[in-house]
Amino acid sequence: MHTHLEMLLTPGSLSPVFQAVVDGSAYGAPVFAYEGLIRGPVATNFEQPDVIFGYVRRLRCEERVDLACVRAILDEASLLPAGAVVSIIVHAATLGRVRDVGDLVVAEARANGIAPDRIVLEIVEHGSAWSAPHFLAGIENLRRLGLRIALDDVGAGLSNYRMILDTRPDFFKIDRYVVTGCCADPDRRKVLVSIRDLAEAFGARVIAEGVETEQEAETLAELGIALMQGYLFARPMPARSQSGMRKTRWSASRGSCESGAT
């Protein structure tokens, strides 16, 4: 019935790429984790992830595509540097509809030689109908299995206080809307500080998304937000291209670009 959905679920249609999350508190901003991202069939309307996931949300079939993405990302993640932490986005609706998501993720990870404690599931919320009891049971199961949890889009979208309470995330991912221009905007810095303080109160760490300038990175470092992700450090790349990447070119300790990655 849904030809486009069948195309997306065909093995090989979804191509993973990985974007580094770096630790800006250390010299050379070493890689902390890799976020697995999905690209659709080349030269189609579904090549871009926003189109893919907008489509599947309209159909309310997030779980089918989410699980296909998990399999594709973990299959490719076996090519990442040894011991790398891998972050994977999953819709809240998937956890609210599929009771054994955690078990499926762990089975796929182990099949690719990846320990569960190297996996971070990023929960993204877009308001689709799903069972709250199933969602909460799914979160508990993720923790029991040793997976860590990140809450995506904090500061924008539907990642609100209820989602924070329900997920008790290990990582708060600050939406790029709050990060962009923070170096020149006192109000954005106030929001960043408030999210940082809230995360610390929960025993969690903050990851700032969409960092594109040295000034933004320096501001975040000054505010005590060490984990960063964005084009300043690395664009999404295939796993094979990540093998030599241990550090990025930016260094918080010098506030400048270094001569190259090591």
Protein backbone atom coordinates (compact mmCIF):
# COMPACT_ATOMS: atom_id res chain seq x y z
CA MET A 1 0.00 0.00 0.00
CA HIS A 2 2.79 2.45 0.95
CA THR A 3 5.32 2.00 -1.84
CA HIS A 4 7.74 4.57 -0.41
CA LEU A 5 7.76 2.82 2.95
CA GLU A 6 8.50 -0.51 1.30
CA MET A 7 11.39 1.15 -0.55
CA LEU A 8 12.85 2.53 2.69
CA LEU A 9 12.60 -0.86 4.38
CA THR A 10 14.35 -2.67 1.54
CA PRO A 11 17.78 -3.87 2.80
CA GLY A 12 20.50 -1.48 1.67
CA SER A 13 18.16 1.51 1.14
CA LEU A 14 19.22 3.23 4.38
CA SER A 15 22.84 4.38 4.54
CA PRO A 16 24.39 5.28 7.91
CA VAL A 17 26.82 8.13 8.47
CA PHE A 18 28.37 9.19 11.77
CA GLN A 19 29.00 12.60 13.28
CA ALA A 20 31.49 13.01 16.12
CA VAL A 21 30.59 14.39 19.54
CA VAL A 22 33.75 15.91 21.00
CA ASP A 23 34.97 16.77 24.47
CA GLY A 24 35.88 20.45 24.28
CA SER A 25 37.31 20.44 27.80
CA ALA A 26 40.36 18.47 26.67
CA TYR A 27 43.21 19.61 24.45
CA GLY A 28 42.48 18.87 20.80
CA ALA A 29 38.81 18.14 21.56
CA PRO A 30 39.03 14.32 21.44
CA VAL A 31 36.05 12.33 20.15
CA PHE A 32 33.66 11.33 22.92
CA ALA A 33 31.08 9.50 20.83
CA TYR A 34 29.71 9.06 17.32
CA GLU A 35 26.07 9.76 16.52
CA GLY A 36 24.65 7.44 13.88
CA LEU A 37 22.58 9.29 11.29
CA ILE A 38 20.65 7.96 8.31
CA ARG A 39 20.56 8.93 4.66
CA GLY A 40 17.99 7.51 2.25
CA PRO A 41 18.33 6.32 -1.33
CA VAL A 42 20.54 8.67 -3.35
CA ALA A 43 18.86 10.94 -5.92
CA THR A 44 15.39 10.39 -4.44
CA ASN A 45 13.16 12.69 -2.38
CA PHE A 46 13.99 10.47 0.60
CA GLU A 47 17.72 11.04 0.53
CA GLN A 48 17.47 13.59 3.37
CA PRO A 49 16.53 12.35 6.86
CA ASP A 50 14.00 15.14 7.49
CA VAL A 51 11.96 13.87 4.54
CA ILE A 52 12.25 10.23 5.65
CA PHE A 53 11.13 10.82 9.21
CA GLY A 54 8.50 13.42 8.35
CA TYR A 55 6.96 10.81 6.06
CA VAL A 56 7.03 7.94 8.56
CA ARG A 57 5.61 10.16 11.32
CA ARG A 58 2.67 11.05 9.08
CA LEU A 59 2.06 7.32 8.59
CA ARG A 60 2.60 6.68 12.31
CA CYS A 61 4.98 3.86 11.51
CA GLU A 62 8.07 5.26 13.22
CA GLU A 63 8.89 1.95 14.87
CA ARG A 64 9.40 0.03 11.62
CA VAL A 65 11.84 2.56 10.21
CA ASP A 66 13.52 3.18 13.58
CA LEU A 67 14.34 -0.51 13.94
CA ALA A 68 15.63 -0.66 10.37
CA CYS A 69 17.85 2.35 11.16
CA VAL A 70 19.13 0.70 14.34
CA ARG A 71 20.14 -2.40 12.38
CA ALA A 72 21.83 -0.39 9.62
CA ILE A 73 23.71 1.86 12.07
CA LEU A 74 24.96 -0.96 14.29
CA ASP A 75 26.02 -3.03 11.28
CA GLU A 76 28.15 -0.09 10.12
CA ALA A 77 29.28 0.88 13.63
CA SER A 78 31.45 -2.23 13.77
CA LEU A 79 33.82 -0.27 11.48
CA LEU A 80 34.23 2.62 13.94
CA PRO A 81 37.37 2.95 16.09
CA ALA A 82 37.58 0.24 18.74
CA GLY A 83 35.60 0.98 21.88
CA ALA A 84 33.71 3.91 20.35
CA VAL A 85 30.47 5.04 21.98
CA VAL A 86 27.62 4.95 19.46
CA SER A 87 24.53 7.14 19.75
CA ILE A 88 21.32 6.19 17.90
CA ILE A 89 18.11 8.22 17.58
CA VAL A 90 14.83 6.45 18.40
CA HIS A 91 11.36 8.00 18.51
CA ALA A 92 9.50 7.99 21.82
CA ALA A 93 6.62 6.47 19.87
CA THR A 94 8.77 3.43 19.08
CA LEU A 95 9.46 2.81 22.76
CA GLY A 96 5.76 3.35 23.44
CA ARG A 97 4.64 0.77 20.88
CA VAL A 98 7.37 -1.89 20.84
CA ARG A 99 7.97 -3.42 24.25
CA ASP A 100 11.30 -5.12 23.50
CA VAL A 101 13.17 -2.30 21.75
CA GLY A 102 16.06 -2.56 24.19
CA ASP A 103 16.40 -6.31 23.69
CA LEU A 104 16.41 -5.85 19.90
CA VAL A 105 19.09 -3.14 20.14
CA VAL A 106 21.30 -5.22 22.43
CA ALA A 107 20.97 -8.33 20.25
CA GLU A 108 21.95 -6.34 17.15
CA ALA A 109 24.83 -4.64 18.98
CA ARG A 110 26.26 -7.92 20.28
CA ALA A 111 25.98 -9.46 16.81
CA ASN A 112 28.33 -6.69 15.67
CA GLY A 113 30.73 -6.98 18.61
CA ILE A 114 29.45 -3.86 20.38
CA ALA A 115 28.86 -4.00 24.14
CA PRO A 116 25.57 -2.53 25.42
CA ASP A 117 27.39 0.03 27.58
CA ARG A 118 28.77 1.58 24.39
CA ILE A 119 25.24 2.40 23.15
CA VAL A 120 23.36 5.63 23.82
CA LEU A 121 19.75 5.80 22.66
CA GLU A 122 18.64 9.35 21.86
CA ILE A 123 14.93 9.76 22.50
CA VAL A 124 13.19 12.23 20.20
CA GLU A 125 9.55 13.22 20.72
CA HIS A 126 7.23 14.42 17.96
CA GLY A 127 3.83 13.95 19.55
CA SER A 128 2.63 10.74 17.85
CA ALA A 129 0.16 8.60 19.74
CA TRP A 130 1.77 5.91 21.88
CA SER A 131 1.26 4.09 25.16
CA ALA A 132 2.77 5.92 28.15
CA PRO A 133 2.96 2.73 30.29
CA HIS A 134 4.77 0.90 27.48
CA PHE A 135 7.13 3.85 27.07
CA LEU A 136 8.02 3.91 30.77
CA ALA A 137 8.51 0.13 30.79
CA GLY A 138 10.74 0.49 27.74
CA ILE A 139 12.89 3.10 29.48
CA GLU A 140 13.27 0.82 32.51
CA ASN A 141 14.28 -2.04 30.24
CA LEU A 142 16.94 0.11 28.53
CA ARG A 143 18.47 0.85 31.90
CA ARG A 144 18.31 -2.79 32.99
CA LEU A 145 20.19 -3.77 29.85
CA GLY A 146 22.96 -1.25 30.51
CA LEU A 147 22.10 1.22 27.72
CA ARG A 148 22.43 4.94 28.33
CA ILE A 149 19.75 7.44 27.40
CA ALA A 150 19.93 10.89 25.83
CA LEU A 151 17.02 13.28 25.44
CA ASP A 152 17.18 15.07 22.10
CA ASP A 153 16.13 18.65 21.23
CA VAL A 154 16.20 19.97 24.79
CA GLY A 155 15.26 23.65 24.70
CA ALA A 156 13.01 23.25 21.65
CA GLY A 157 10.36 20.92 20.31
CA LEU A 158 8.60 18.55 22.73
CA SER A 159 11.53 17.60 24.98
CA ASN A 160 9.82 19.14 27.98
CA TYR A 161 9.96 18.64 31.74
CA ARG A 162 7.65 15.64 31.57
CA MET A 163 10.01 13.90 29.15
CA ILE A 164 12.93 14.72 31.44
CA LEU A 165 11.12 13.16 34.39
CA ASP A 166 10.01 10.13 32.40
CA THR A 167 13.40 9.40 30.82
CA ARG A 168 15.82 10.60 33.55
CA PRO A 169 18.39 10.96 30.76
CA ASP A 170 22.13 10.49 31.08
CA PHE A 171 22.60 13.22 28.46
CA PHE A 172 20.66 16.38 27.66
CA LYS A 173 21.17 17.29 23.99
CA ILE A 174 20.63 21.02 23.60
CA ASP A 175 18.90 21.94 20.35
CA ARG A 176 20.96 23.99 17.90
CA TYR A 177 18.38 26.80 18.07
CA VAL A 178 19.64 27.63 21.55
CA VAL A 179 23.32 27.18 20.62
CA THR A 180 23.44 29.23 17.41
CA GLY A 181 24.66 32.75 18.16
CA CYS A 182 25.04 32.12 21.90
CA CYS A 183 28.36 33.99 21.87
CA ALA A 184 26.52 37.25 21.08
CA ASP A 185 23.20 36.62 22.86
CA PRO A 186 23.01 36.94 26.68
CA ASP A 187 19.53 35.40 26.75
CA ARG A 188 20.72 32.27 24.94
CA ARG A 189 23.55 31.99 27.44
CA LYS A 190 21.04 32.19 30.30
CA VAL A 191 19.05 29.31 28.78
CA LEU A 192 22.23 27.29 28.28
CA VAL A 193 23.21 27.80 31.92
CA SER A 194 19.73 26.80 33.10
CA ILE A 195 19.85 23.56 31.08
CA ARG A 196 23.39 22.86 32.29
CA ASP A 197 22.31 23.30 35.91
CA LEU A 198 19.21 21.13 35.45
CA ALA A 199 21.27 18.36 33.85
CA GLU A 200 23.81 18.48 36.67
CA ALA A 201 20.97 18.19 39.20
CA PHE A 202 19.93 14.96 37.46
CA GLY A 203 23.50 13.68 37.38
CA ALA A 204 23.52 14.02 33.59
CA ARG A 205 25.85 15.62 31.06
CA VAL A 206 24.99 18.20 28.40
CA ILE A 207 25.75 17.91 24.68
CA ALA A 208 25.46 21.09 22.62
CA GLU A 209 24.34 20.48 19.03
CA GLY A 210 24.91 22.62 15.96
CA VAL A 211 28.22 24.22 16.98
CA GLU A 212 29.55 25.92 13.86
CA THR A 213 31.91 28.69 14.99
CA GLU A 214 34.92 28.91 17.28
CA GLN A 215 33.18 31.70 19.19
CA GLU A 216 30.20 29.44 19.96
CA ALA A 217 32.54 26.64 21.08
CA GLU A 218 34.53 28.99 23.30
CA THR A 219 31.34 30.35 24.87
CA LEU A 220 30.07 26.84 25.59
CA ALA A 221 33.40 25.87 27.15
CA GLU A 222 33.32 28.98 29.34
CA LEU A 223 29.81 28.01 30.48
CA GLY A 224 31.03 24.55 31.49
CA ILE A 225 29.40 22.71 28.58
CA ALA A 226 32.16 20.41 27.39
CA LEU A 227 30.47 17.99 25.00
CA MET A 228 29.81 19.52 21.59
CA GLN A 229 28.72 18.45 18.13
CA GLY A 230 28.65 20.38 14.89
CA TYR A 231 30.30 21.29 11.62
CA LEU A 232 33.08 23.15 13.43
CA PHE A 233 34.43 19.74 14.46
CA ALA A 234 33.21 17.25 11.89
CA ARG A 235 30.53 16.65 9.30
CA PRO A 236 28.65 13.34 9.13
CA MET A 237 30.88 10.77 7.44
CA PRO A 238 30.86 7.01 6.78
CA ALA A 239 32.29 4.83 9.54
CA ARG A 240 35.37 3.95 7.49
CA SER A 241 36.31 7.64 7.33
CA GLN A 242 36.32 7.88 11.14
CA SER A 243 39.07 5.33 11.73
CA GLY A 244 41.89 7.87 12.12
CA MET A 245 39.85 10.52 13.88
CA ARG A 246 40.80 10.78 17.55
CA LYS A 247 40.96 14.56 17.86
CA THR A 248 39.52 17.49 15.99
CA ARG A 249 41.19 20.71 14.93
CA TRP A 250 39.70 22.94 17.61
CA SER A 251 41.24 23.28 21.07
CA ALA A 252 39.42 24.92 23.95
CA SER A 253 42.67 25.38 25.81
CA ARG A 254 44.00 27.64 23.06
CA GLY A 255 40.75 28.91 21.58
CA SER A 256 42.11 28.34 18.08
CA CYS A 257 42.39 25.81 15.29
CA GLU A 258 45.27 23.38 15.38
CA SER A 259 47.21 22.33 12.32
CA GLY A 260 45.49 18.97 11.95
CA ALA A 261 43.82 15.99 13.56
CA THR A 262 45.84 13.16 15.02
